[in-house]
Amino acid sequence: MILEFITKNKDLIGLIVVCFTGLLGFVKWIDTRRRELIEKRYKTYMDLIGVISGKRADSTTPNITEQIAATWFLLEYKEYYDMTKRIFLDSDLENMANEPWVKHVLPHIYRLVKRIS
């Protein structure tokens, strides 16, 4: 009976197999893409932290305006709010940085932490 069904419906079974295979490939592609986007967001987040701390990914030094902008761009990374708070609240930033950074960037960091808390 099953053999008879298979012989009468070869085209339908082939189509089902092709659709199922395509669906599995699509699901795998979606998962890979999701992982790539998560990794890219993490890299961008870490690049912003680098800019705030005074070094871009290419090892050049950002100006204070860029550091302030990078601070506020951290609002876009809700998934890292806890990490952001730990980075900025568990550090002695006032003693680690130069005076212009403490005067101009640090107040923005404190406002950012207050906003995401």
Protein backbone atom coordinates (compact mmCIF):
# COMPACT_ATOMS: atom_id res chain seq x y z
CA MET A 1 0.00 0.00 0.00
CA ILE A 2 2.79 2.45 0.92
CA LEU A 3 4.82 1.39 -2.10
CA GLU A 4 1.79 1.96 -4.32
CA PHE A 5 1.28 5.42 -2.82
CA ILE A 6 4.95 6.28 -3.41
CA THR A 7 4.90 5.16 -7.03
CA LYS A 8 1.70 7.08 -7.78
CA ASN A 9 2.91 10.27 -6.06
CA LYS A 10 6.61 10.47 -6.96
CA ASP A 11 6.35 14.07 -8.09
CA LEU A 12 4.48 15.15 -4.97
CA ILE A 13 6.96 13.39 -2.68
CA GLY A 14 9.87 14.98 -4.59
CA LEU A 15 8.27 18.39 -4.22
CA ILE A 16 7.76 17.84 -0.48
CA VAL A 17 11.39 16.79 -0.05
CA VAL A 18 12.63 19.83 -2.00
CA CYS A 19 10.39 22.18 0.03
CA PHE A 20 11.48 20.64 3.33
CA THR A 21 15.16 20.88 2.36
CA GLY A 22 14.69 24.50 1.28
CA LEU A 23 12.90 25.29 4.52
CA LEU A 24 15.73 23.80 6.58
CA GLY A 25 18.27 25.79 4.58
CA PHE A 26 16.27 28.97 5.10
CA VAL A 27 16.00 28.39 8.87
CA LYS A 28 19.75 27.77 9.05
CA TRP A 29 20.41 30.97 7.06
CA ILE A 30 18.15 32.98 9.41
CA ASP A 31 20.00 31.60 12.44
CA THR A 32 23.40 32.39 10.90
CA ARG A 33 22.26 35.90 9.98
CA ARG A 34 20.90 36.50 13.50
CA ARG A 35 24.23 35.43 15.00
CA GLU A 36 26.14 37.70 12.60
CA LEU A 37 23.97 40.67 13.56
CA ILE A 38 24.47 39.97 17.27
CA GLU A 39 28.22 39.79 16.75
CA LYS A 40 28.20 43.00 14.70
CA ARG A 41 26.20 44.84 17.39
CA TYR A 42 28.67 43.66 20.04
CA LYS A 43 31.62 44.86 17.97
CA THR A 44 29.98 48.24 17.39
CA TYR A 45 29.19 48.53 21.10
CA MET A 46 32.80 47.75 21.99
CA ASP A 47 34.01 50.26 19.38
CA LEU A 48 31.86 52.93 21.09
CA ILE A 49 33.35 52.01 24.47
CA GLY A 50 36.77 52.35 22.87
CA VAL A 51 35.96 55.80 21.50
CA ILE A 52 34.70 56.91 24.91
CA SER A 53 37.89 55.67 26.53
CA GLY A 54 40.03 57.52 23.99
CA LYS A 55 40.95 55.05 21.24
CA ARG A 56 39.15 54.22 18.00
CA ALA A 57 39.41 50.75 16.47
CA ASP A 58 42.08 52.10 14.09
CA SER A 59 44.12 53.35 17.10
CA THR A 60 43.52 57.04 16.34
CA THR A 61 42.40 59.37 19.09
CA PRO A 62 38.84 60.73 18.97
CA ASN A 63 38.06 64.28 20.00
CA ILE A 64 35.88 65.10 23.00
CA THR A 65 32.79 65.74 20.87
CA GLU A 66 33.07 62.24 19.38
CA GLN A 67 33.46 60.79 22.86
CA ILE A 68 30.31 62.55 24.04
CA ALA A 69 28.40 61.38 20.95
CA ALA A 70 29.64 57.80 21.48
CA THR A 71 28.41 57.98 25.07
CA TRP A 72 24.89 58.81 23.97
CA PHE A 73 24.94 56.24 21.17
CA LEU A 74 25.14 53.61 23.91
CA LEU A 75 21.40 54.21 24.44
CA GLU A 76 20.85 52.16 21.27
CA TYR A 77 22.27 49.05 22.96
CA LYS A 78 19.61 48.11 25.52
CA GLU A 79 20.90 44.55 25.67
CA TYR A 80 24.14 45.89 27.18
CA TYR A 81 22.67 48.33 29.73
CA ASP A 82 23.82 46.22 32.71
CA MET A 83 27.30 45.94 31.25
CA THR A 84 27.40 49.68 30.53
CA LYS A 85 26.49 50.48 34.12
CA ARG A 86 29.15 48.09 35.43
CA ILE A 87 31.82 49.54 33.15
CA PHE A 88 31.15 53.11 34.18
CA LEU A 89 30.08 52.75 37.81
CA ASP A 90 32.67 50.19 38.90
CA SER A 91 35.58 52.26 37.61
CA ASP A 92 37.40 55.19 39.14
CA LEU A 93 37.00 57.27 35.99
CA GLU A 94 37.84 60.61 37.60
CA ASN A 95 41.32 59.41 38.52
CA MET A 96 41.91 57.43 35.32
CA ALA A 97 41.39 60.20 32.77
CA ASN A 98 42.78 63.60 31.92
CA GLU A 99 41.12 66.81 33.09
CA PRO A 100 39.34 67.79 29.84
CA TRP A 101 37.80 64.31 29.59
CA VAL A 102 36.67 64.43 33.22
CA LYS A 103 35.24 67.92 32.71
CA HIS A 104 33.42 67.30 29.43
CA VAL A 105 32.79 63.56 28.88
CA LEU A 106 32.32 62.22 32.40
CA PRO A 107 29.18 64.31 33.13
CA HIS A 108 27.56 62.80 30.04
CA ILE A 109 28.50 59.32 31.21
CA TYR A 110 26.86 59.98 34.58
CA ARG A 111 23.72 61.29 32.86
CA LEU A 112 23.67 58.25 30.59
CA VAL A 113 23.95 55.85 33.55
CA LYS A 114 21.18 57.71 35.35
CA ARG A 115 18.96 57.48 32.28
CA ILE A 116 19.46 53.74 31.75
CA SER A 117 19.05 52.89 35.44
